[in-house]
Amino acid sequence: MDVHQLANLLNQLSTLQAQISRVGASPVTDPVSPYFIHPDGSIRKPEPNDALYESWERSNTLVVSWINHSLSAEISASVIWNNVALDLWKDLKHRYCQGDRFRVAELEEEMYQMKQGELTVTAYFTKLKSIWEQLSSFRPVPDCVMCSETCKCGLDKMREYRDENYIMRLLRGLNKQYSNVRSNIMLMNPLPDVNTAFSLLTQQKK
């Protein structure tokens, strides 16, 4: 799914939640309940005689529908028999995860070739950020789990290198009119985060 498809998917989910809430309160619509449907997370399937089984079943049906509606008709027809969200997701992952490496290569090539050109700085930043988010979904940097206040495993440093790389991509693709503010940002020590750098660029435009 691209960013636009994901946005449409979330809108569909919101609509479904609103429809359910009109019927009556349930764990699916209660944000405190573990069966509340939101964009991430997981919960173990209870036994059929468990009091929460019906809530799990409703949640599962909603997620299965959510996934199926995000697929092309051809792919959806090949998995329509699978009515458990976890199994459906594993099936799709097994089929298509091998293509992730090629997609990552495509995204990285697109990122390095990206130039502002005739785009506004906002449109240029938005396109880059979409690429970064997709790269992060394919190759996320894990969070520290064993370190205390100070990271000793190196993951924080990897995240720092990645963020610096994103800032450099943003700055290097800008048009010449931003050369002064670009130089000023690159001289900052430490570098600002990406959103702060973008804010400085929009101030330059104003």
N, C-alpha and C. Protein backbone atom coordinates (compact mmCIF):
# COMPACT_ATOMS: atom_id res chain seq x y z
N MET A 1 0.83 -1.20 0.00
CA MET A 1 0.00 0.00 0.00
C MET A 1 0.86 1.24 0.00
N ASP A 2 0.44 2.26 -0.78
CA ASP A 2 1.15 3.52 -0.70
C ASP A 2 0.47 4.41 0.34
N VAL A 3 0.95 5.64 0.49
CA VAL A 3 0.45 6.52 1.54
C VAL A 3 -1.03 6.84 1.33
N HIS A 4 -1.43 7.06 0.07
CA HIS A 4 -2.83 7.41 -0.21
C HIS A 4 -3.75 6.23 0.10
N GLN A 5 -3.32 5.01 -0.25
CA GLN A 5 -4.14 3.84 0.06
C GLN A 5 -4.28 3.65 1.56
N LEU A 6 -3.19 3.88 2.29
CA LEU A 6 -3.24 3.75 3.74
C LEU A 6 -4.21 4.77 4.35
N ALA A 7 -4.18 6.01 3.81
CA ALA A 7 -5.09 7.04 4.31
C ALA A 7 -6.54 6.64 4.06
N ASN A 8 -6.82 6.09 2.86
CA ASN A 8 -8.18 5.64 2.55
C ASN A 8 -8.60 4.51 3.47
N LEU A 9 -7.64 3.63 3.76
CA LEU A 9 -7.92 2.51 4.65
C LEU A 9 -8.29 2.98 6.04
N LEU A 10 -7.56 3.95 6.56
CA LEU A 10 -7.84 4.49 7.89
C LEU A 10 -9.20 5.20 7.91
N ASN A 11 -9.55 5.88 6.79
CA ASN A 11 -10.86 6.52 6.71
C ASN A 11 -11.98 5.48 6.75
N GLN A 12 -11.77 4.35 6.05
CA GLN A 12 -12.76 3.28 6.08
C GLN A 12 -12.93 2.74 7.49
N LEU A 13 -11.81 2.58 8.18
CA LEU A 13 -11.86 2.07 9.55
C LEU A 13 -12.63 3.02 10.46
N SER A 14 -12.40 4.32 10.31
CA SER A 14 -13.10 5.31 11.12
C SER A 14 -14.60 5.25 10.86
N THR A 15 -14.96 5.08 9.58
CA THR A 15 -16.38 4.99 9.21
C THR A 15 -17.02 3.77 9.84
N LEU A 16 -16.32 2.63 9.78
CA LEU A 16 -16.85 1.41 10.37
C LEU A 16 -17.03 1.54 11.88
N GLN A 17 -16.05 2.18 12.53
CA GLN A 17 -16.15 2.37 13.97
C GLN A 17 -17.35 3.24 14.33
N ALA A 18 -17.59 4.27 13.51
CA ALA A 18 -18.72 5.16 13.77
C ALA A 18 -20.03 4.40 13.62
N GLN A 19 -20.10 3.51 12.60
CA GLN A 19 -21.31 2.72 12.39
C GLN A 19 -21.55 1.77 13.56
N ILE A 20 -20.47 1.16 14.04
CA ILE A 20 -20.60 0.24 15.18
C ILE A 20 -21.06 0.97 16.43
N SER A 21 -20.51 2.18 16.64
CA SER A 21 -20.85 2.93 17.85
C SER A 21 -22.32 3.33 17.87
N ARG A 22 -22.92 3.50 16.68
CA ARG A 22 -24.34 3.85 16.64
C ARG A 22 -25.20 2.67 17.06
N VAL A 23 -24.70 1.45 16.80
CA VAL A 23 -25.46 0.26 17.18
C VAL A 23 -25.45 0.06 18.69
N GLY A 24 -24.33 0.41 19.31
CA GLY A 24 -24.23 0.25 20.75
C GLY A 24 -22.80 0.06 21.19
N ALA A 25 -22.53 0.35 22.44
CA ALA A 25 -21.16 0.25 22.95
C ALA A 25 -20.73 -1.21 23.00
N SER A 26 -19.45 -1.44 22.69
CA SER A 26 -18.87 -2.78 22.77
C SER A 26 -17.39 -2.63 22.97
N PRO A 27 -16.68 -3.71 23.33
CA PRO A 27 -15.22 -3.61 23.49
C PRO A 27 -14.51 -3.13 22.24
N VAL A 28 -15.11 -3.36 21.06
CA VAL A 28 -14.49 -2.93 19.81
C VAL A 28 -14.38 -1.41 19.74
N THR A 29 -15.37 -0.72 20.34
CA THR A 29 -15.40 0.74 20.26
C THR A 29 -14.95 1.42 21.54
N ASP A 30 -14.59 0.63 22.54
CA ASP A 30 -14.14 1.19 23.81
C ASP A 30 -12.62 1.30 23.80
N PRO A 31 -12.05 2.53 23.78
CA PRO A 31 -10.59 2.68 23.70
C PRO A 31 -9.83 2.03 24.83
N VAL A 32 -10.49 1.77 25.97
CA VAL A 32 -9.82 1.14 27.10
C VAL A 32 -9.73 -0.37 26.91
N SER A 33 -10.59 -0.93 26.08
CA SER A 33 -10.63 -2.37 25.88
C SER A 33 -9.49 -2.84 24.99
N PRO A 34 -8.91 -4.03 25.28
CA PRO A 34 -7.87 -4.58 24.40
C PRO A 34 -8.39 -4.93 23.02
N TYR A 35 -9.74 -4.96 22.85
CA TYR A 35 -10.33 -5.27 21.55
C TYR A 35 -10.66 -4.02 20.74
N PHE A 36 -10.28 -2.87 21.27
CA PHE A 36 -10.48 -1.63 20.52
C PHE A 36 -9.62 -1.68 19.25
N ILE A 37 -10.23 -1.39 18.09
CA ILE A 37 -9.52 -1.47 16.82
C ILE A 37 -8.74 -0.19 16.58
N HIS A 38 -7.43 -0.32 16.42
CA HIS A 38 -6.58 0.82 16.10
C HIS A 38 -5.54 0.35 15.10
N PRO A 39 -4.69 1.26 14.54
CA PRO A 39 -3.82 0.88 13.43
C PRO A 39 -2.75 -0.15 13.72
N ASP A 40 -2.43 -0.46 14.98
CA ASP A 40 -1.39 -1.45 15.24
C ASP A 40 -1.70 -2.26 16.49
N GLY A 41 -0.83 -3.22 16.77
CA GLY A 41 -1.03 -4.06 17.95
C GLY A 41 -1.60 -5.42 17.58
N SER A 42 -1.65 -6.31 18.56
CA SER A 42 -2.18 -7.65 18.33
C SER A 42 -2.74 -8.19 19.64
N ILE A 43 -3.57 -9.22 19.53
CA ILE A 43 -4.14 -9.84 20.71
C ILE A 43 -4.38 -11.32 20.40
N ARG A 44 -4.10 -12.17 21.38
CA ARG A 44 -4.23 -13.62 21.18
C ARG A 44 -5.70 -14.02 21.06
N LYS A 45 -5.95 -15.00 20.19
CA LYS A 45 -7.31 -15.50 20.00
C LYS A 45 -7.75 -16.27 21.24
N PRO A 46 -8.88 -15.88 21.87
CA PRO A 46 -9.36 -16.61 23.05
C PRO A 46 -10.05 -17.92 22.64
N GLU A 47 -10.29 -18.77 23.61
CA GLU A 47 -11.03 -20.01 23.36
C GLU A 47 -12.49 -19.68 23.05
N PRO A 48 -13.17 -20.54 22.26
CA PRO A 48 -14.57 -20.26 21.89
C PRO A 48 -15.51 -20.07 23.07
N ASN A 49 -15.20 -20.68 24.21
CA ASN A 49 -16.07 -20.53 25.38
C ASN A 49 -15.69 -19.33 26.26
N ASP A 50 -14.68 -18.57 25.83
CA ASP A 50 -14.25 -17.39 26.57
C ASP A 50 -15.29 -16.28 26.38
N ALA A 51 -15.51 -15.48 27.43
CA ALA A 51 -16.50 -14.40 27.37
C ALA A 51 -16.14 -13.35 26.32
N LEU A 52 -14.85 -13.23 26.00
CA LEU A 52 -14.42 -12.23 25.03
C LEU A 52 -14.28 -12.77 23.61
N TYR A 53 -14.65 -14.03 23.41
CA TYR A 53 -14.48 -14.61 22.07
C TYR A 53 -15.29 -13.87 21.02
N GLU A 54 -16.53 -13.51 21.35
CA GLU A 54 -17.37 -12.80 20.39
C GLU A 54 -16.77 -11.45 20.00
N SER A 55 -16.19 -10.75 20.99
CA SER A 55 -15.55 -9.48 20.70
C SER A 55 -14.32 -9.68 19.80
N TRP A 56 -13.55 -10.74 20.11
CA TRP A 56 -12.39 -11.04 19.26
C TRP A 56 -12.83 -11.33 17.82
N GLU A 57 -13.92 -12.10 17.69
CA GLU A 57 -14.41 -12.48 16.37
C GLU A 57 -14.83 -11.25 15.56
N ARG A 58 -15.50 -10.32 16.23
CA ARG A 58 -15.91 -9.08 15.54
C ARG A 58 -14.69 -8.27 15.13
N SER A 59 -13.72 -8.17 16.02
CA SER A 59 -12.50 -7.44 15.71
C SER A 59 -11.76 -8.09 14.55
N ASN A 60 -11.64 -9.41 14.60
CA ASN A 60 -10.95 -10.16 13.56
C ASN A 60 -11.63 -9.97 12.20
N THR A 61 -12.96 -10.04 12.18
CA THR A 61 -13.71 -9.85 10.93
C THR A 61 -13.47 -8.47 10.35
N LEU A 62 -13.42 -7.47 11.21
CA LEU A 62 -13.19 -6.11 10.76
C LEU A 62 -11.79 -5.97 10.15
N VAL A 63 -10.78 -6.56 10.80
CA VAL A 63 -9.41 -6.46 10.29
C VAL A 63 -9.26 -7.24 8.99
N VAL A 64 -9.88 -8.42 8.89
CA VAL A 64 -9.84 -9.19 7.65
C VAL A 64 -10.46 -8.38 6.51
N SER A 65 -11.59 -7.76 6.78
CA SER A 65 -12.24 -6.91 5.77
C SER A 65 -11.35 -5.74 5.39
N TRP A 66 -10.72 -5.17 6.39
CA TRP A 66 -9.80 -4.05 6.17
C TRP A 66 -8.67 -4.45 5.22
N ILE A 67 -8.04 -5.59 5.48
CA ILE A 67 -6.95 -6.07 4.65
C ILE A 67 -7.44 -6.38 3.24
N ASN A 68 -8.56 -7.11 3.13
CA ASN A 68 -9.06 -7.50 1.81
C ASN A 68 -9.41 -6.31 0.93
N HIS A 69 -9.96 -5.27 1.55
CA HIS A 69 -10.33 -4.08 0.78
C HIS A 69 -9.12 -3.28 0.33
N SER A 70 -7.96 -3.56 0.91
CA SER A 70 -6.75 -2.85 0.51
C SER A 70 -5.99 -3.58 -0.60
N LEU A 71 -6.44 -4.79 -0.94
CA LEU A 71 -5.76 -5.61 -1.95
C LEU A 71 -6.39 -5.42 -3.32
N SER A 72 -5.62 -5.73 -4.35
CA SER A 72 -6.18 -5.75 -5.70
C SER A 72 -7.17 -6.90 -5.78
N ALA A 73 -8.09 -6.84 -6.76
CA ALA A 73 -9.12 -7.87 -6.88
C ALA A 73 -8.49 -9.25 -7.11
N GLU A 74 -7.42 -9.30 -7.88
CA GLU A 74 -6.76 -10.58 -8.19
C GLU A 74 -6.16 -11.21 -6.94
N ILE A 75 -5.47 -10.41 -6.13
CA ILE A 75 -4.85 -10.94 -4.91
C ILE A 75 -5.92 -11.28 -3.88
N SER A 76 -6.92 -10.42 -3.75
CA SER A 76 -7.99 -10.66 -2.79
C SER A 76 -8.70 -11.99 -3.06
N ALA A 77 -8.92 -12.30 -4.35
CA ALA A 77 -9.61 -13.55 -4.71
C ALA A 77 -8.81 -14.77 -4.30
N SER A 78 -7.48 -14.63 -4.22
CA SER A 78 -6.63 -15.77 -3.87
C SER A 78 -6.55 -16.03 -2.37
N VAL A 79 -7.04 -15.08 -1.56
CA VAL A 79 -6.96 -15.26 -0.10
C VAL A 79 -8.34 -15.13 0.57
N ILE A 80 -9.38 -15.09 -0.25
CA ILE A 80 -10.73 -14.85 0.27
C ILE A 80 -11.16 -15.94 1.25
N TRP A 81 -10.58 -17.13 1.13
CA TRP A 81 -10.94 -18.25 2.00
C TRP A 81 -10.38 -18.08 3.41
N ASN A 82 -9.39 -17.23 3.57
CA ASN A 82 -8.71 -17.09 4.86
C ASN A 82 -9.46 -16.09 5.73
N ASN A 83 -10.05 -16.55 6.81
CA ASN A 83 -10.89 -15.68 7.64
C ASN A 83 -10.28 -15.35 9.00
N VAL A 84 -8.99 -15.61 9.18
CA VAL A 84 -8.28 -15.21 10.39
C VAL A 84 -7.22 -14.19 10.00
N ALA A 85 -7.29 -13.01 10.59
CA ALA A 85 -6.43 -11.90 10.18
C ALA A 85 -4.95 -12.25 10.24
N LEU A 86 -4.52 -12.91 11.32
CA LEU A 86 -3.11 -13.26 11.47
C LEU A 86 -2.64 -14.20 10.37
N ASP A 87 -3.45 -15.23 10.09
CA ASP A 87 -3.09 -16.18 9.03
C ASP A 87 -3.07 -15.51 7.67
N LEU A 88 -4.03 -14.63 7.44
CA LEU A 88 -4.09 -13.89 6.18
C LEU A 88 -2.84 -13.04 5.99
N TRP A 89 -2.46 -12.34 7.06
CA TRP A 89 -1.28 -11.48 6.99
C TRP A 89 -0.02 -12.30 6.76
N LYS A 90 0.11 -13.45 7.44
CA LYS A 90 1.28 -14.31 7.26
C LYS A 90 1.35 -14.84 5.83
N ASP A 91 0.21 -15.19 5.26
CA ASP A 91 0.14 -15.68 3.88
C ASP A 91 0.66 -14.62 2.92
N LEU A 92 0.16 -13.40 3.07
CA LEU A 92 0.58 -12.31 2.19
C LEU A 92 2.07 -11.99 2.38
N LYS A 93 2.52 -12.01 3.63
CA LYS A 93 3.92 -11.72 3.90
C LYS A 93 4.82 -12.77 3.27
N HIS A 94 4.42 -14.03 3.37
CA HIS A 94 5.23 -15.12 2.80
C HIS A 94 5.33 -14.98 1.28
N ARG A 95 4.25 -14.56 0.66
CA ARG A 95 4.25 -14.43 -0.80
C ARG A 95 5.10 -13.27 -1.30
N TYR A 96 4.99 -12.13 -0.60
CA TYR A 96 5.52 -10.90 -1.18
C TYR A 96 6.70 -10.28 -0.46
N CYS A 97 7.11 -10.83 0.68
CA CYS A 97 8.19 -10.18 1.42
C CYS A 97 9.51 -10.22 0.67
N GLN A 98 9.69 -11.22 -0.23
CA GLN A 98 10.93 -11.29 -0.99
C GLN A 98 11.11 -10.08 -1.89
N GLY A 99 9.99 -9.44 -2.26
CA GLY A 99 10.07 -8.26 -3.11
C GLY A 99 10.48 -7.01 -2.34
N ASP A 100 10.55 -7.11 -1.01
CA ASP A 100 10.89 -5.95 -0.21
C ASP A 100 12.27 -5.41 -0.56
N ARG A 101 13.22 -6.30 -0.83
CA ARG A 101 14.58 -5.87 -1.12
C ARG A 101 14.63 -5.01 -2.38
N PHE A 102 13.87 -5.43 -3.39
CA PHE A 102 13.83 -4.66 -4.63
C PHE A 102 13.14 -3.32 -4.40
N ARG A 103 12.08 -3.35 -3.59
CA ARG A 103 11.36 -2.10 -3.31
C ARG A 103 12.24 -1.14 -2.53
N VAL A 104 13.02 -1.64 -1.57
CA VAL A 104 13.94 -0.79 -0.82
C VAL A 104 14.95 -0.17 -1.77
N ALA A 105 15.48 -0.96 -2.69
CA ALA A 105 16.45 -0.43 -3.66
C ALA A 105 15.82 0.66 -4.52
N GLU A 106 14.57 0.46 -4.93
CA GLU A 106 13.86 1.46 -5.74
C GLU A 106 13.67 2.75 -4.95
N LEU A 107 13.26 2.61 -3.69
CA LEU A 107 13.03 3.78 -2.85
C LEU A 107 14.31 4.56 -2.60
N GLU A 108 15.40 3.84 -2.34
CA GLU A 108 16.67 4.52 -2.10
C GLU A 108 17.14 5.25 -3.36
N GLU A 109 16.97 4.61 -4.52
CA GLU A 109 17.34 5.26 -5.78
C GLU A 109 16.49 6.51 -6.01
N GLU A 110 15.20 6.39 -5.73
CA GLU A 110 14.30 7.53 -5.89
C GLU A 110 14.69 8.67 -4.95
N MET A 111 15.06 8.31 -3.70
CA MET A 111 15.45 9.33 -2.73
C MET A 111 16.70 10.07 -3.19
N TYR A 112 17.70 9.34 -3.67
CA TYR A 112 18.96 9.98 -4.06
C TYR A 112 18.82 10.80 -5.35
N GLN A 113 17.82 10.49 -6.15
CA GLN A 113 17.61 11.24 -7.39
C GLN A 113 16.64 12.41 -7.20
N MET A 114 15.99 12.47 -6.06
CA MET A 114 14.96 13.49 -5.83
C MET A 114 15.55 14.89 -5.79
N LYS A 115 14.99 15.79 -6.60
CA LYS A 115 15.36 17.20 -6.62
C LYS A 115 14.09 18.04 -6.49
N GLN A 116 14.25 19.24 -5.96
CA GLN A 116 13.08 20.10 -5.79
C GLN A 116 12.51 20.50 -7.15
N GLY A 117 13.37 20.97 -8.05
CA GLY A 117 12.91 21.36 -9.38
C GLY A 117 11.80 22.38 -9.33
N GLU A 118 10.68 22.07 -9.96
CA GLU A 118 9.55 23.00 -10.01
C GLU A 118 8.59 22.83 -8.83
N LEU A 119 8.91 21.91 -7.93
CA LEU A 119 8.05 21.70 -6.76
C LEU A 119 8.24 22.83 -5.75
N THR A 120 7.19 23.10 -4.98
CA THR A 120 7.36 23.97 -3.83
C THR A 120 8.17 23.22 -2.79
N VAL A 121 8.76 23.93 -1.85
CA VAL A 121 9.56 23.25 -0.83
C VAL A 121 8.69 22.31 0.00
N THR A 122 7.40 22.67 0.18
CA THR A 122 6.49 21.80 0.93
C THR A 122 6.20 20.51 0.18
N ALA A 123 5.92 20.62 -1.12
CA ALA A 123 5.65 19.43 -1.93
C ALA A 123 6.88 18.54 -2.03
N TYR A 124 8.04 19.17 -2.15
CA TYR A 124 9.31 18.42 -2.22
C TYR A 124 9.55 17.66 -0.91
N PHE A 125 9.35 18.33 0.22
CA PHE A 125 9.53 17.70 1.53
C PHE A 125 8.53 16.56 1.72
N THR A 126 7.28 16.77 1.28
CA THR A 126 6.25 15.75 1.43
C THR A 126 6.60 14.49 0.65
N LYS A 127 7.12 14.66 -0.56
CA LYS A 127 7.52 13.50 -1.37
C LYS A 127 8.67 12.74 -0.71
N LEU A 128 9.65 13.49 -0.22
CA LEU A 128 10.77 12.85 0.46
C LEU A 128 10.31 12.11 1.71
N LYS A 129 9.44 12.75 2.47
CA LYS A 129 8.98 12.14 3.72
C LYS A 129 8.21 10.85 3.46
N SER A 130 7.47 10.81 2.36
CA SER A 130 6.75 9.60 1.99
C SER A 130 7.74 8.46 1.72
N ILE A 131 8.84 8.78 1.04
CA ILE A 131 9.88 7.77 0.77
C ILE A 131 10.50 7.30 2.08
N TRP A 132 10.81 8.24 2.99
CA TRP A 132 11.43 7.88 4.27
C TRP A 132 10.53 6.97 5.09
N GLU A 133 9.25 7.28 5.09
CA GLU A 133 8.31 6.47 5.87
C GLU A 133 8.21 5.05 5.32
N GLN A 134 8.23 4.94 3.99
CA GLN A 134 8.19 3.61 3.39
C GLN A 134 9.47 2.83 3.70
N LEU A 135 10.62 3.51 3.63
CA LEU A 135 11.88 2.86 3.96
C LEU A 135 11.88 2.40 5.42
N SER A 136 11.34 3.24 6.30
CA SER A 136 11.29 2.88 7.72
C SER A 136 10.39 1.69 7.98
N SER A 137 9.33 1.56 7.17
CA SER A 137 8.44 0.41 7.35
C SER A 137 9.10 -0.88 6.88
N PHE A 138 9.95 -0.79 5.85
CA PHE A 138 10.67 -1.97 5.37
C PHE A 138 11.89 -2.29 6.22
N ARG A 139 12.62 -1.24 6.64
CA ARG A 139 13.86 -1.42 7.39
C ARG A 139 13.85 -0.57 8.67
N PRO A 140 12.98 -0.89 9.61
CA PRO A 140 12.93 -0.09 10.84
C PRO A 140 14.16 -0.29 11.70
N VAL A 141 14.57 0.75 12.39
CA VAL A 141 15.65 0.63 13.37
C VAL A 141 14.99 0.27 14.71
N PRO A 142 15.31 -0.89 15.28
CA PRO A 142 14.64 -1.31 16.52
C PRO A 142 14.93 -0.36 17.67
N ASP A 143 14.03 -0.33 18.64
CA ASP A 143 14.25 0.44 19.85
C ASP A 143 15.12 -0.37 20.82
N CYS A 144 15.87 0.36 21.64
CA CYS A 144 16.67 -0.31 22.68
C CYS A 144 15.73 -0.98 23.68
N VAL A 145 16.06 -2.18 24.07
CA VAL A 145 15.26 -2.87 25.08
C VAL A 145 16.08 -3.23 26.32
N MET A 146 17.38 -3.39 26.15
CA MET A 146 18.23 -3.80 27.27
C MET A 146 19.00 -2.63 27.89
N CYS A 147 19.12 -1.52 27.14
CA CYS A 147 19.88 -0.37 27.65
C CYS A 147 19.04 0.40 28.65
N SER A 148 19.71 1.09 29.57
CA SER A 148 19.00 1.92 30.56
C SER A 148 18.88 3.34 30.01
N GLU A 149 19.38 4.32 30.72
CA GLU A 149 19.25 5.70 30.27
C GLU A 149 20.14 6.00 29.07
N THR A 150 21.30 5.37 29.00
CA THR A 150 22.24 5.60 27.90
C THR A 150 22.31 4.36 27.03
N CYS A 151 22.14 4.57 25.71
CA CYS A 151 22.20 3.45 24.76
C CYS A 151 23.63 2.95 24.63
N LYS A 152 23.82 1.65 24.82
CA LYS A 152 25.14 1.05 24.68
C LYS A 152 25.20 0.04 23.53
N CYS A 153 24.04 -0.23 22.93
CA CYS A 153 23.99 -1.25 21.88
C CYS A 153 24.24 -0.68 20.49
N GLY A 154 24.23 0.66 20.36
CA GLY A 154 24.51 1.28 19.08
C GLY A 154 23.30 1.61 18.24
N LEU A 155 22.09 1.22 18.70
CA LEU A 155 20.90 1.48 17.90
C LEU A 155 20.59 2.97 17.81
N ASP A 156 20.81 3.70 18.90
CA ASP A 156 20.61 5.15 18.86
C ASP A 156 21.52 5.81 17.83
N LYS A 157 22.76 5.33 17.74
CA LYS A 157 23.71 5.88 16.77
C LYS A 157 23.27 5.57 15.34
N MET A 158 22.75 4.37 15.12
CA MET A 158 22.24 4.01 13.79
C MET A 158 21.07 4.92 13.40
N ARG A 159 20.19 5.18 14.37
CA ARG A 159 19.05 6.07 14.12
C ARG A 159 19.52 7.48 13.83
N GLU A 160 20.56 7.92 14.54
CA GLU A 160 21.13 9.25 14.32
C GLU A 160 21.73 9.36 12.93
N TYR A 161 22.47 8.33 12.48
CA TYR A 161 23.05 8.34 11.14
C TYR A 161 21.95 8.39 10.07
N ARG A 162 20.90 7.60 10.28
CA ARG A 162 19.79 7.59 9.32
C ARG A 162 19.14 8.97 9.22
N ASP A 163 18.88 9.60 10.36
CA ASP A 163 18.24 10.91 10.36
C ASP A 163 19.13 11.98 9.72
N GLU A 164 20.45 11.89 9.97
CA GLU A 164 21.37 12.83 9.33
C GLU A 164 21.37 12.65 7.82
N ASN A 165 21.30 11.41 7.39
CA ASN A 165 21.25 11.13 5.96
C ASN A 165 20.00 11.72 5.33
N TYR A 166 18.86 11.61 6.02
CA TYR A 166 17.62 12.19 5.51
C TYR A 166 17.72 13.71 5.39
N ILE A 167 18.32 14.35 6.38
CA ILE A 167 18.48 15.81 6.33
C ILE A 167 19.37 16.20 5.16
N MET A 168 20.46 15.45 4.94
CA MET A 168 21.35 15.76 3.82
C MET A 168 20.64 15.61 2.49
N ARG A 169 19.81 14.59 2.37
CA ARG A 169 19.05 14.40 1.13
C ARG A 169 18.11 15.57 0.90
N LEU A 170 17.45 16.01 1.97
CA LEU A 170 16.54 17.15 1.88
C LEU A 170 17.27 18.39 1.42
N LEU A 171 18.41 18.67 2.02
CA LEU A 171 19.15 19.89 1.74
C LEU A 171 19.80 19.88 0.35
N ARG A 172 20.38 18.75 -0.03
CA ARG A 172 21.12 18.68 -1.28
C ARG A 172 20.22 18.78 -2.51
N GLY A 173 18.95 18.42 -2.35
CA GLY A 173 18.04 18.48 -3.50
C GLY A 173 17.34 19.81 -3.68
N LEU A 174 17.62 20.76 -2.79
CA LEU A 174 16.95 22.06 -2.86
C LEU A 174 17.45 22.90 -4.02
N ASN A 175 16.62 23.81 -4.48
CA ASN A 175 17.02 24.76 -5.52
C ASN A 175 18.01 25.77 -4.96
N LYS A 176 18.67 26.50 -5.85
CA LYS A 176 19.74 27.42 -5.46
C LYS A 176 19.26 28.55 -4.56
N GLN A 177 17.99 28.89 -4.65
CA GLN A 177 17.48 30.00 -3.85
C GLN A 177 17.55 29.71 -2.35
N TYR A 178 17.72 28.44 -2.00
CA TYR A 178 17.81 28.05 -0.59
C TYR A 178 19.25 27.79 -0.16
N SER A 179 20.22 28.21 -0.96
CA SER A 179 21.63 27.89 -0.68
C SER A 179 22.10 28.47 0.65
N ASN A 180 21.66 29.69 0.98
CA ASN A 180 22.10 30.31 2.24
C ASN A 180 21.59 29.56 3.46
N VAL A 181 20.29 29.32 3.49
CA VAL A 181 19.72 28.63 4.64
C VAL A 181 20.22 27.19 4.70
N ARG A 182 20.46 26.58 3.53
CA ARG A 182 21.02 25.23 3.50
C ARG A 182 22.40 25.20 4.16
N SER A 183 23.23 26.16 3.80
CA SER A 183 24.58 26.24 4.40
C SER A 183 24.50 26.45 5.90
N ASN A 184 23.57 27.32 6.33
CA ASN A 184 23.43 27.59 7.77
C ASN A 184 23.02 26.33 8.54
N ILE A 185 22.10 25.56 7.95
CA ILE A 185 21.64 24.34 8.62
C ILE A 185 22.76 23.32 8.70
N MET A 186 23.54 23.18 7.61
CA MET A 186 24.60 22.19 7.58
C MET A 186 25.73 22.51 8.56
N LEU A 187 25.85 23.80 8.93
CA LEU A 187 26.89 24.20 9.89
C LEU A 187 26.46 24.00 11.34
N MET A 188 25.17 23.71 11.56
CA MET A 188 24.68 23.52 12.92
C MET A 188 25.27 22.24 13.53
N ASN A 189 25.61 22.32 14.80
CA ASN A 189 26.17 21.16 15.49
C ASN A 189 25.56 21.07 16.90
N PRO A 190 24.72 20.08 17.14
CA PRO A 190 24.31 19.02 16.23
C PRO A 190 23.30 19.51 15.19
N LEU A 191 23.11 18.70 14.16
CA LEU A 191 22.12 19.03 13.15
C LEU A 191 20.72 19.01 13.76
N PRO A 192 19.82 19.87 13.30
CA PRO A 192 18.43 19.80 13.78
C PRO A 192 17.75 18.56 13.22
N ASP A 193 16.60 18.22 13.79
CA ASP A 193 15.86 17.11 13.20
C ASP A 193 15.23 17.56 11.89
N VAL A 194 14.68 16.62 11.15
CA VAL A 194 14.17 16.89 9.81
C VAL A 194 13.04 17.93 9.84
N ASN A 195 12.14 17.81 10.79
CA ASN A 195 11.01 18.73 10.85
C ASN A 195 11.46 20.15 11.17
N THR A 196 12.47 20.29 12.03
CA THR A 196 13.01 21.62 12.33
C THR A 196 13.69 22.21 11.11
N ALA A 197 14.44 21.38 10.37
CA ALA A 197 15.09 21.84 9.15
C ALA A 197 14.05 22.33 8.14
N PHE A 198 12.97 21.59 8.01
CA PHE A 198 11.90 22.00 7.09
C PHE A 198 11.28 23.32 7.54
N SER A 199 11.09 23.48 8.84
CA SER A 199 10.53 24.73 9.37
C SER A 199 11.44 25.92 9.03
N LEU A 200 12.75 25.73 9.13
CA LEU A 200 13.70 26.80 8.78
C LEU A 200 13.62 27.14 7.30
N LEU A 201 13.40 26.12 6.48
CA LEU A 201 13.29 26.35 5.03
C LEU A 201 12.02 27.13 4.69
N THR A 202 10.92 26.81 5.35
CA THR A 202 9.68 27.53 5.07
C THR A 202 9.76 28.97 5.57
N GLN A 203 10.51 29.20 6.64
CA GLN A 203 10.72 30.59 7.10
C GLN A 203 11.52 31.38 6.07
N GLN A 204 12.49 30.72 5.43
CA GLN A 204 13.27 31.37 4.38
C GLN A 204 12.37 31.77 3.22
N LYS A 205 11.42 30.89 2.88
CA LYS A 205 10.51 31.18 1.78
C LYS A 205 9.66 32.41 2.09
N LYS A 206 9.19 32.51 3.35
CA LYS A 206 8.36 33.65 3.73
C LYS A 206 9.16 34.94 3.70
